[in-house]
Protein backbone atom coordinates (compact mmCIF):
# COMPACT_ATOMS: atom_id res chain seq x y z
CA MET A 1 -3.74 35.85 5.97
CA GLN A 2 -7.40 36.11 6.94
CA ALA A 3 -8.10 38.15 3.81
CA ALA A 4 -6.34 35.52 1.71
CA LEU A 5 -8.41 32.75 3.31
CA ASP A 6 -11.56 34.73 2.61
CA GLU A 7 -10.43 34.93 -1.01
CA LEU A 8 -9.88 31.16 -1.06
CA ARG A 9 -13.30 30.51 0.41
CA GLN A 10 -14.86 32.33 -2.54
CA ALA A 11 -12.63 30.67 -5.13
CA PHE A 12 -14.07 27.15 -5.11
CA ALA A 13 -17.15 25.08 -4.36
CA GLY A 14 -16.78 22.82 -1.34
CA ARG A 15 -15.76 23.11 2.30
CA LEU A 16 -12.95 25.13 3.85
CA LEU A 17 -12.16 24.11 7.42
CA VAL A 18 -10.29 26.62 9.56
CA ASP A 19 -11.42 25.81 13.12
CA GLU A 20 -8.93 23.68 15.06
CA ALA A 21 -11.52 21.04 15.96
CA ASP A 22 -12.64 20.71 12.33
CA LYS A 23 -9.07 20.42 11.06
CA ALA A 24 -7.92 17.90 13.68
CA PRO A 25 -8.98 14.64 11.92
CA PHE A 26 -6.84 15.60 8.91
CA LEU A 27 -3.66 16.43 10.84
CA THR A 28 -2.69 13.03 12.27
CA ASP A 29 -1.78 9.96 10.26
CA TRP A 30 -3.51 6.59 10.57
CA ARG A 31 -0.74 5.10 12.74
CA ARG A 32 -0.78 8.23 14.98
CA LYS A 33 2.96 8.51 14.46
CA TRP A 34 2.90 12.04 13.01
CA THR A 35 0.77 15.07 13.83
CA GLY A 36 1.13 18.39 12.01
CA GLN A 37 -0.59 21.73 11.72
CA ALA A 38 -2.32 23.37 8.77
CA LEU A 39 -3.47 26.80 7.77
CA ALA A 40 -6.74 25.22 6.63
CA VAL A 41 -8.25 22.07 5.13
CA ALA A 42 -9.86 22.46 1.72
CA GLN A 43 -12.40 19.91 0.49
CA PRO A 44 -13.29 20.77 -3.12
CA ASP A 45 -16.36 19.37 -4.84
CA MET A 46 -14.88 18.70 -8.27
CA ALA A 47 -11.66 18.72 -10.27
CA ALA A 48 -12.07 22.35 -11.41
CA ASP A 49 -12.31 23.34 -7.76
CA VAL A 50 -9.11 21.45 -6.97
CA ALA A 51 -7.41 23.46 -9.70
CA ALA A 52 -8.76 26.70 -8.21
CA VAL A 53 -7.41 25.79 -4.76
CA VAL A 54 -3.98 24.93 -6.15
CA ARG A 55 -3.88 28.19 -8.13
CA TRP A 56 -4.59 30.08 -4.91
CA CYS A 57 -1.78 28.18 -3.18
CA ALA A 58 0.61 28.99 -6.05
CA ARG A 59 -0.23 32.70 -5.88
CA HIS A 60 0.24 32.87 -2.11
CA ARG A 61 3.19 30.40 -1.99
CA VAL A 62 1.26 28.08 0.34
CA ALA A 63 2.39 24.45 0.32
CA VAL A 64 -0.20 21.80 -0.56
CA VAL A 65 -0.56 18.43 1.20
CA PRO A 66 -2.93 16.23 -0.86
CA GLN A 67 -4.87 13.70 1.21
CA GLY A 68 -7.22 10.84 0.35
CA GLY A 69 -8.54 8.47 2.99
CA ASN A 70 -5.58 9.22 5.30
CA THR A 71 -4.78 5.53 5.68
CA GLY A 72 -1.12 5.71 4.60
CA LEU A 73 1.60 4.10 6.68
CA SER A 74 4.53 6.40 5.85
CA GLY A 75 3.32 9.87 6.83
CA GLY A 76 2.97 10.95 3.21
CA ALA A 77 -0.38 12.74 3.70
CA THR A 78 0.35 14.52 7.00
CA PRO A 79 1.32 18.21 7.06
CA ASP A 80 4.44 19.42 8.85
CA THR A 81 4.30 21.39 12.12
CA SER A 82 4.78 24.83 10.57
CA GLY A 83 1.07 25.57 10.28
CA ARG A 84 1.72 27.24 6.91
CA THR A 85 0.48 24.41 4.66
CA LEU A 86 -2.96 23.66 3.27
CA VAL A 87 -4.34 20.14 3.47
CA LEU A 88 -6.20 19.34 0.24
CA SER A 89 -8.71 16.58 1.00
CA LEU A 90 -10.10 14.81 -2.08
CA THR A 91 -12.87 12.85 -0.34
CA ARG A 92 -15.69 14.93 -1.87
CA LEU A 93 -14.57 13.97 -5.38
CA ASN A 94 -16.52 10.74 -5.02
CA LYS A 95 -18.31 10.09 -8.29
CA VAL A 96 -18.16 7.08 -10.57
CA ARG A 97 -18.08 8.90 -13.89
CA ALA A 98 -18.36 6.08 -16.42
CA ILE A 99 -18.09 2.34 -16.95
CA ASP A 100 -17.33 0.68 -20.28
CA THR A 101 -17.82 -3.08 -20.16
CA ILE A 102 -16.65 -3.55 -23.74
CA ASN A 103 -13.39 -1.67 -23.15
CA ASN A 104 -13.26 -3.09 -19.59
CA THR A 105 -12.64 0.28 -17.98
CA LEU A 106 -14.09 2.24 -15.08
CA THR A 107 -13.63 6.01 -14.72
CA VAL A 108 -13.81 7.28 -11.14
CA GLU A 109 -12.88 10.38 -9.19
CA ALA A 110 -9.99 10.37 -6.74
CA GLY A 111 -12.12 10.34 -3.59
CA VAL A 112 -13.99 7.14 -4.41
CA THR A 113 -12.99 4.47 -1.90
CA LEU A 114 -11.35 1.29 -3.09
CA GLN A 115 -14.33 -0.69 -1.80
CA GLN A 116 -16.69 1.45 -3.87
CA VAL A 117 -14.52 0.86 -6.95
CA GLN A 118 -14.64 -2.89 -6.35
CA ASP A 119 -18.41 -2.77 -5.84
CA ALA A 120 -19.02 -0.72 -9.00
CA ALA A 121 -16.96 -3.17 -11.02
CA ARG A 122 -18.76 -6.18 -9.52
CA GLU A 123 -22.20 -4.67 -10.24
CA ALA A 124 -21.13 -4.49 -13.88
CA GLY A 125 -20.00 -8.12 -13.84
CA ARG A 126 -16.31 -7.21 -13.71
CA LEU A 127 -13.42 -7.41 -11.26
CA PHE A 128 -11.19 -4.61 -10.03
CA PRO A 129 -8.55 -6.72 -8.30
CA LEU A 130 -6.67 -4.24 -6.12
CA SER A 131 -7.32 -5.39 -2.55
CA LEU A 132 -6.01 -3.82 0.68
CA ALA A 133 -6.88 -4.11 4.34
CA ALA A 134 -8.00 -0.45 4.35
CA GLU A 135 -10.17 -0.77 1.24
CA GLY A 136 -13.28 0.53 2.99
CA THR A 137 -11.53 3.82 3.79
CA CYS A 138 -8.59 4.33 1.43
CA THR A 139 -9.34 6.20 -1.81
CA ILE A 140 -8.31 5.42 -5.35
CA GLY A 141 -6.44 8.72 -5.64
CA GLY A 142 -4.28 7.79 -2.67
CA ASN A 143 -3.85 4.24 -3.97
CA LEU A 144 -2.48 5.61 -7.23
CA ALA A 145 -0.37 8.34 -5.61
CA SER A 146 1.38 5.67 -3.52
CA ASN A 147 1.23 2.93 -6.19
CA ALA A 148 -0.47 0.61 -3.72
CA GLY A 149 0.02 -3.14 -3.96
CA GLY A 150 -1.97 -5.59 -1.86
CA VAL A 151 -2.56 -9.31 -2.06
CA GLN A 152 -3.16 -9.90 -5.78
CA VAL A 153 -0.13 -8.18 -7.32
CA LEU A 154 1.16 -11.64 -8.27
CA ARG A 155 -1.60 -11.92 -10.89
CA TYR A 156 -2.76 -8.39 -11.64
CA GLY A 157 0.09 -6.02 -10.72
CA ASN A 158 0.28 -2.89 -8.57
CA ALA A 159 -2.03 0.11 -8.88
CA ARG A 160 0.17 1.37 -11.74
CA GLU A 161 -0.68 -1.69 -13.85
CA LEU A 162 -4.39 -1.20 -13.16
CA CYS A 163 -4.56 2.41 -14.38
CA LEU A 164 -4.87 3.39 -18.04
CA GLY A 165 -5.37 7.14 -17.74
CA LEU A 166 -5.40 10.04 -15.29
CA GLU A 167 -6.81 13.48 -14.72
CA ALA A 168 -4.54 15.62 -12.56
CA VAL A 169 -3.99 19.17 -11.39
CA THR A 170 -0.47 20.49 -11.89
CA ALA A 171 1.50 22.52 -9.36
CA GLN A 172 0.50 25.64 -11.34
CA GLY A 173 -3.21 24.84 -10.95
CA GLU A 174 -3.80 23.62 -14.51
CA LEU A 175 -6.13 20.68 -15.11
CA TRP A 176 -4.60 17.98 -17.30
CA ASP A 177 -7.10 15.59 -18.91
CA GLY A 178 -5.36 12.30 -19.60
CA LEU A 179 -8.45 10.14 -19.10
CA ARG A 180 -7.80 7.87 -22.06
CA GLY A 181 -8.79 4.23 -21.73
CA LEU A 182 -6.07 3.05 -24.09
CA ARG A 183 -3.84 0.05 -23.62
CA LYS A 184 -1.51 1.32 -26.33
CA ASP A 185 -0.57 5.01 -26.60
CA ASN A 186 3.00 5.49 -27.78
CA THR A 187 3.04 9.28 -28.18
CA GLY A 188 5.84 10.46 -25.95
CA TYR A 189 6.52 10.73 -22.23
CA ASP A 190 4.05 8.79 -20.08
CA LEU A 191 2.76 11.59 -17.86
CA ARG A 192 0.42 9.15 -16.15
CA ASP A 193 3.36 7.20 -14.77
CA LEU A 194 4.99 10.36 -13.43
CA PHE A 195 2.02 11.10 -11.19
CA ILE A 196 1.44 7.49 -10.11
CA GLY A 197 3.71 6.74 -7.15
CA SER A 198 4.80 10.37 -6.77
CA GLU A 199 2.95 10.73 -3.43
CA GLY A 200 1.46 14.09 -4.39
CA THR A 201 4.86 15.75 -4.84
CA LEU A 202 4.31 16.56 -8.53
CA GLY A 203 0.58 17.29 -8.69
CA VAL A 204 -2.85 16.13 -7.52
CA ILE A 205 -4.65 13.15 -9.08
CA THR A 206 -8.34 13.99 -9.43
CA ALA A 207 -9.68 11.06 -11.51
CA ALA A 208 -8.55 7.85 -13.17
CA VAL A 209 -9.48 5.33 -15.84
CA LEU A 210 -9.06 1.92 -14.26
CA LYS A 211 -8.56 -1.43 -15.94
CA LEU A 212 -11.18 -4.11 -15.23
CA HIS A 213 -10.93 -7.90 -15.52
CA PRO A 214 -13.46 -10.72 -15.91
CA LEU A 215 -15.22 -11.61 -12.68
CA PRO A 216 -14.08 -15.09 -11.59
CA ALA A 217 -16.71 -17.80 -11.49
CA ALA A 218 -15.10 -19.20 -8.32
CA GLN A 219 -12.36 -18.49 -5.82
CA VAL A 220 -10.84 -21.11 -3.52
CA ALA A 221 -8.22 -20.60 -0.82
CA ALA A 222 -5.88 -23.05 0.88
CA PHE A 223 -4.01 -22.59 4.14
CA VAL A 224 -0.85 -24.68 3.94
CA ALA A 225 1.72 -25.63 6.56
CA VAL A 226 5.28 -25.48 5.21
CA PRO A 227 8.53 -26.27 7.05
CA ASP A 228 10.40 -23.11 6.04
CA PRO A 229 10.49 -20.24 3.51
CA ALA A 230 12.68 -22.27 1.15
CA ALA A 231 9.93 -24.89 0.88
CA ALA A 232 7.39 -22.09 0.39
CA LEU A 233 9.39 -20.84 -2.60
CA GLN A 234 9.43 -24.32 -4.10
CA LEU A 235 5.68 -24.54 -3.52
CA LEU A 236 5.28 -21.20 -5.31
CA GLN A 237 7.14 -22.53 -8.34
CA LEU A 238 5.01 -25.67 -8.32
CA ALA A 239 1.81 -23.63 -8.02
CA GLN A 240 2.77 -21.35 -10.88
CA SER A 241 3.62 -24.28 -13.15
CA ARG A 242 0.36 -26.11 -12.41
CA LEU A 243 -2.09 -23.22 -12.01
CA GLY A 244 -0.67 -20.53 -14.29
CA ALA A 245 -2.74 -17.33 -14.26
CA GLY A 246 -5.27 -19.02 -11.98
CA LEU A 247 -2.93 -18.42 -9.04
CA THR A 248 -4.03 -14.99 -7.82
CA ALA A 249 -2.40 -14.77 -4.37
CA PHE A 250 0.43 -16.47 -2.53
CA GLU A 251 1.02 -15.21 1.01
CA LEU A 252 3.69 -16.25 3.52
CA MET A 253 3.36 -15.88 7.29
CA SER A 254 5.18 -17.20 10.33
CA ASP A 255 3.54 -19.01 13.22
CA THR A 256 4.31 -15.97 15.39
CA CYS A 257 1.94 -13.99 13.16
CA ILE A 258 -0.87 -16.52 13.49
CA ALA A 259 -0.38 -16.78 17.26
CA LEU A 260 -0.85 -13.01 17.54
CA VAL A 261 -4.07 -13.18 15.50
CA GLU A 262 -5.40 -16.02 17.68
CA LYS A 263 -4.56 -13.99 20.79
CA HIS A 264 -6.24 -10.76 19.71
CA VAL A 265 -9.09 -11.91 17.40
CA ASP A 266 -11.71 -13.97 19.23
CA SER A 267 -12.99 -15.76 16.11
CA ALA A 268 -9.55 -16.77 14.83
CA ARG A 269 -8.73 -20.47 14.76
CA LEU A 270 -5.79 -22.31 13.24
CA PRO A 271 -7.46 -24.57 10.63
CA LEU A 272 -4.83 -27.31 10.94
CA ALA A 273 -4.36 -30.14 13.44
CA GLU A 274 -0.80 -29.18 14.34
CA ARG A 275 1.24 -25.98 14.31
CA SER A 276 3.99 -25.32 11.82
CA PRO A 277 6.85 -22.78 11.81
CA TRP A 278 5.51 -21.23 8.61
CA TYR A 279 2.30 -21.12 6.59
CA VAL A 280 1.27 -20.20 3.08
CA LEU A 281 -2.14 -18.88 2.07
CA LEU A 282 -2.77 -19.31 -1.63
CA GLU A 283 -5.78 -18.41 -3.70
CA VAL A 284 -7.01 -19.78 -7.01
CA SER A 285 -9.46 -17.86 -9.19
CA ASP A 286 -11.28 -19.87 -11.83
CA ASN A 287 -13.43 -18.89 -14.78
CA VAL A 288 -15.19 -22.29 -14.96
CA ASP A 289 -16.70 -23.15 -11.57
CA GLU A 290 -15.86 -23.97 -7.96
CA ALA A 291 -15.48 -27.69 -8.63
CA HIS A 292 -12.89 -26.98 -11.31
CA ALA A 293 -11.01 -24.60 -8.99
CA SER A 294 -11.08 -27.08 -6.10
CA ALA A 295 -9.82 -29.90 -8.30
CA ALA A 296 -6.90 -27.75 -9.48
CA ILE A 297 -5.86 -26.73 -6.00
CA GLU A 298 -6.33 -30.25 -4.60
CA GLY A 299 -4.02 -31.61 -7.29
CA LEU A 300 -1.43 -29.01 -6.36
CA LEU A 301 -1.64 -29.83 -2.65
CA GLU A 302 -1.34 -33.57 -3.26
CA ALA A 303 1.85 -32.97 -5.25
CA ALA A 304 3.19 -30.62 -2.56
CA LEU A 305 2.60 -33.20 0.18
CA GLU A 306 4.25 -35.93 -1.88
CA GLN A 307 7.31 -33.72 -2.49
CA GLU A 308 7.43 -32.78 1.24
CA LEU A 309 7.02 -29.11 0.45
CA ALA A 310 3.96 -29.04 2.71
CA THR A 311 3.00 -30.98 5.83
CA ASP A 312 -0.74 -30.22 6.02
CA ALA A 313 -3.38 -28.08 4.36
CA ALA A 314 -6.92 -26.81 4.78
CA LEU A 315 -9.08 -25.96 1.76
CA SER A 316 -12.05 -23.59 1.74
CA ALA A 317 -15.32 -25.25 0.76
CA THR A 318 -17.67 -22.33 1.48
CA LEU A 319 -17.54 -18.55 1.32
CA ALA A 320 -17.39 -18.39 5.12
CA GLN A 321 -14.35 -20.69 5.16
CA PHE A 322 -12.73 -18.67 2.37
CA GLN A 323 -13.19 -15.48 4.39
CA ALA A 324 -11.97 -17.11 7.61
CA LEU A 325 -8.74 -18.28 5.97
CA TRP A 326 -8.11 -14.82 4.54
CA ALA A 327 -8.88 -13.21 7.91
CA LEU A 328 -5.92 -15.06 9.43
CA ARG A 329 -3.68 -13.17 7.00
CA GLU A 330 -5.49 -9.83 6.95
CA ASP A 331 -5.71 -9.50 10.75
CA ILE A 332 -1.96 -9.78 11.32
CA SER A 333 -1.17 -6.06 11.25
CA GLU A 334 -3.94 -5.05 13.64
CA SER A 335 -3.10 -7.95 15.95
CA GLN A 336 0.53 -6.92 16.08
CA GLY A 337 -0.57 -3.37 16.86
CA ALA A 338 -2.82 -4.65 19.65
CA GLU A 339 0.16 -6.49 21.11
CA GLY A 340 2.09 -3.24 21.56
CA ARG A 341 4.72 -1.13 19.89
CA THR A 342 6.01 -2.32 16.51
CA ILE A 343 9.03 -1.77 14.29
CA LYS A 344 7.93 -2.14 10.67
CA HIS A 345 9.68 -2.73 7.36
CA ASP A 346 7.89 -2.89 4.01
CA ILE A 347 10.57 -4.40 1.78
CA ALA A 348 10.86 -5.97 -1.66
CA LEU A 349 13.41 -8.59 -2.68
CA PRO A 350 14.06 -10.76 -5.71
CA ILE A 351 11.84 -13.74 -4.98
CA SER A 352 14.81 -16.10 -5.30
CA ARG A 353 16.61 -14.29 -2.45
CA ILE A 354 13.81 -14.25 0.11
CA ALA A 355 14.57 -17.52 1.92
CA ASP A 356 18.24 -16.60 2.37
CA PHE A 357 17.32 -13.12 3.52
CA ILE A 358 14.88 -14.40 6.15
CA ALA A 359 17.40 -16.95 7.47
CA ASN A 360 20.38 -14.59 7.55
CA MET A 361 18.47 -11.60 8.88
CA GLY A 362 16.83 -13.73 11.58
CA GLU A 363 20.22 -14.87 12.83
CA GLU A 364 21.57 -11.32 12.93
CA ILE A 365 18.51 -9.94 14.74
CA ALA A 366 18.72 -12.78 17.31
CA GLN A 367 22.40 -12.07 17.95
CA ARG A 368 22.16 -8.29 18.18
CA TRP A 369 18.73 -7.91 19.78
CA PRO A 370 17.95 -11.19 21.57
CA GLY A 371 14.38 -11.76 22.66
CA GLU A 372 12.69 -9.33 20.27
CA ARG A 373 10.04 -11.15 18.24
CA LEU A 374 10.13 -11.25 14.47
CA VAL A 375 6.68 -10.89 12.88
CA VAL A 376 7.32 -11.79 9.24
CA PHE A 377 4.60 -12.04 6.62
CA GLY A 378 3.86 -10.77 3.16
CA HIS A 379 3.20 -11.28 -0.50
CA LEU A 380 5.72 -13.99 -1.35
CA GLY A 381 4.40 -14.25 -4.89
CA ASP A 382 5.63 -10.75 -5.76
CA GLY A 383 8.62 -10.56 -3.41
CA ASN A 384 7.13 -8.14 -0.85
CA LEU A 385 7.75 -8.88 2.84
CA HIS A 386 6.47 -7.05 5.88
CA TYR A 387 9.48 -7.71 8.09
CA ASN A 388 8.32 -6.47 11.48
CA LEU A 389 9.37 -6.76 15.11
CA SER A 390 7.44 -6.79 18.36
CA PRO A 391 8.90 -6.59 21.87
CA ALA A 392 9.74 -9.78 23.73
CA ALA A 393 6.65 -11.28 25.39
CA ASP A 394 8.02 -10.45 28.86
CA ARG A 395 8.77 -6.83 27.91
CA LEU A 396 5.36 -5.53 26.84
CA GLY A 397 4.75 -3.15 29.75
CA PRO A 398 4.92 0.65 29.40
CA GLU A 399 8.18 0.68 31.36
CA HIS A 400 9.85 -1.10 28.43
CA ARG A 401 8.43 1.10 25.67
CA ALA A 402 11.22 3.68 25.51
CA ALA A 403 13.90 0.99 25.33
CA PHE A 404 12.11 -0.74 22.44
CA GLU A 405 11.56 2.53 20.57
CA ALA A 406 15.29 3.27 20.86
CA LEU A 407 15.94 0.13 18.81
CA GLU A 408 13.98 1.35 15.80
CA LYS A 409 16.72 3.35 14.08
CA PRO A 410 19.55 0.78 14.39
CA ILE A 411 17.20 -2.07 13.42
CA ASN A 412 15.91 -0.09 10.43
CA GLN A 413 19.45 0.51 9.25
CA CYS A 414 20.44 -3.11 9.79
CA VAL A 415 17.44 -4.47 7.87
CA HIS A 416 17.59 -1.93 5.06
CA ASP A 417 21.31 -2.39 4.49
CA ALA A 418 20.71 -6.13 4.18
CA VAL A 419 17.78 -5.56 1.80
CA VAL A 420 19.90 -3.43 -0.51
CA ALA A 421 22.76 -5.94 -0.32
CA HIS A 422 20.28 -8.59 -1.53
CA GLY A 423 19.25 -6.41 -4.48
CA GLY A 424 15.99 -5.25 -2.91
CA SER A 425 14.01 -2.09 -2.13
CA ILE A 426 13.28 -0.58 1.30
CA SER A 427 9.73 0.39 0.28
CA ALA A 428 7.62 -2.09 -1.65
CA GLU A 429 4.07 -0.75 -1.44
CA HIS A 430 3.74 1.77 1.41
CA GLY A 431 5.65 4.61 -0.24
CA LEU A 432 8.43 6.74 1.25
CA GLY A 433 6.52 9.65 2.79
CA VAL A 434 8.63 10.96 5.64
CA LEU A 435 9.11 7.54 7.23
CA ARG A 436 11.52 6.16 4.60
CA ARG A 437 12.47 9.41 2.85
CA ASP A 438 15.97 9.80 4.29
CA GLU A 439 16.71 6.06 4.28
CA SER A 440 15.84 5.90 0.59
CA ALA A 441 18.12 8.82 -0.22
CA ARG A 442 20.94 7.08 1.64
CA HIS A 443 20.68 4.07 -0.65
CA LYS A 444 20.00 5.74 -4.01
CA SER A 445 22.81 6.60 -6.39
CA ALA A 446 23.71 10.23 -7.05
CA VAL A 447 22.50 9.86 -10.63
CA GLU A 448 19.09 8.56 -9.55
CA LEU A 449 18.65 11.34 -7.00
CA ARG A 450 19.59 14.03 -9.55
CA LEU A 451 17.06 12.65 -12.02
CA MET A 452 14.32 12.68 -9.37
CA GLN A 453 15.26 16.23 -8.34
CA ALA A 454 15.14 17.35 -11.96
CA VAL A 455 11.62 15.95 -12.42
CA LYS A 456 10.48 17.64 -9.20
CA ALA A 457 12.01 20.98 -10.22
CA ALA A 458 10.45 20.84 -13.69
CA LEU A 459 6.91 20.08 -12.53
CA ASP A 460 6.94 21.92 -9.19
CA PRO A 461 9.46 24.77 -9.51
CA HIS A 462 8.37 26.47 -6.28
CA GLY A 463 8.47 23.27 -4.22
CA LEU A 464 4.87 23.64 -3.03
CA MET A 465 3.55 20.15 -3.70
CA ASN A 466 3.72 17.99 -0.55
CA PRO A 467 7.14 19.33 0.49
CA GLY A 468 9.35 17.18 2.70
CA LYS A 469 7.91 13.94 1.36
CA LEU A 470 9.68 11.38 -0.83
CA LEU A 471 12.75 13.63 -1.32
CA PRO A 472 14.65 15.07 1.66
CA PRO A 473 14.03 18.83 2.04
CA ASN A 474 17.61 19.76 1.20
CA GLN A 475 17.29 17.80 -2.04
CA GLU A 476 14.09 19.44 -3.24
CA HIS A 477 14.22 22.32 -5.65
CA SER A 478 12.76 25.60 -4.44
CA GLU A 479 13.05 29.27 -5.38
């Protein structure tokens, strides 16, 4: 194999890491839940070099694990433990290739971070609205491969809706140029949509044409106390009817979530006089000015208070207040992690079913696993909940860890069965990876699985692209 690695080193421009210490940062996922081994880590300099690496892998039957910023939450970018795979890191493909302010498009390479995409758009007087907690580290290639969501899907859609064209390397090492900034292109199968959300199992995204939007003149946020999720849903309907497209985010979180943030983030403060069981964070983007945005949101809040959908509210009047309100929402995940072990669910439900799901699921969890704390928050406006659990407050010590970890599988099954029964999905925005791979297969119909297997077999006949992810190994096609 050393001779083959020497051949690979000469085949492309970039870095090839073979020393264990150099490879280590690429072998463990962000949550430190999975650690694998790799033959090497390749970091090509441009798309043609990615193609050369994949051709080498195809010749030598070496599996490829594409990796962006390595911030995924489902183990989709971590190699297995065989040591026979190659990690293909895209972080050196980091160029902004073009911006077209008339067509409202931005062409970037896969290794450009989401923050850099946002900054490039803003410098051109435009908005790229995808927004995630990991935006300073995650890359646009990974965002597209996992069809990332975030806080503004309500208004702008997932990563899929924000991408007009792709450049990608196939499993055979061919470079496909689909970098067309067209909003209408009705010429057959949409290859772009095959690669988006495929988690690197069909090919490697190397560049993308992204859709830009006008930069808002003002953004205002409100932190609203609501009595329960049912009231939050009514508030959502009211907000949509009064604000229309100006409503860009609508987040739900329980008081347990906010209490964890206050405990673990020194600067965090509840902006209301009294606590409430539930809160909503909503955002209005306005193309006129801040006064216009504030007047719109104030009118909404007055109506919500009159209709008893809300009990109190705090409105941002400065950028610092806007950021502080958003920090209460964005710091929930890290605060829950700081509290101790977590059991996570990234689920999607029809918006109309969310209140019933939360009520019914809460009762079942309390009956079957009394004392465990529900940490429920998410993007209510698009039906995506992060339905998480933390250990009971008196069972946080290391002596209780094994007992809590043993609950993960039965709780996962309980929650996911209920999600499917409510017409939902067990993975809303984090992808399947290895974390939800088998659970997803358990819930999909035989027809759906066969169709997915057929696509995989057609595009990756040797099963070399990110094997063991998304589809269970025994359901992947291989020679």
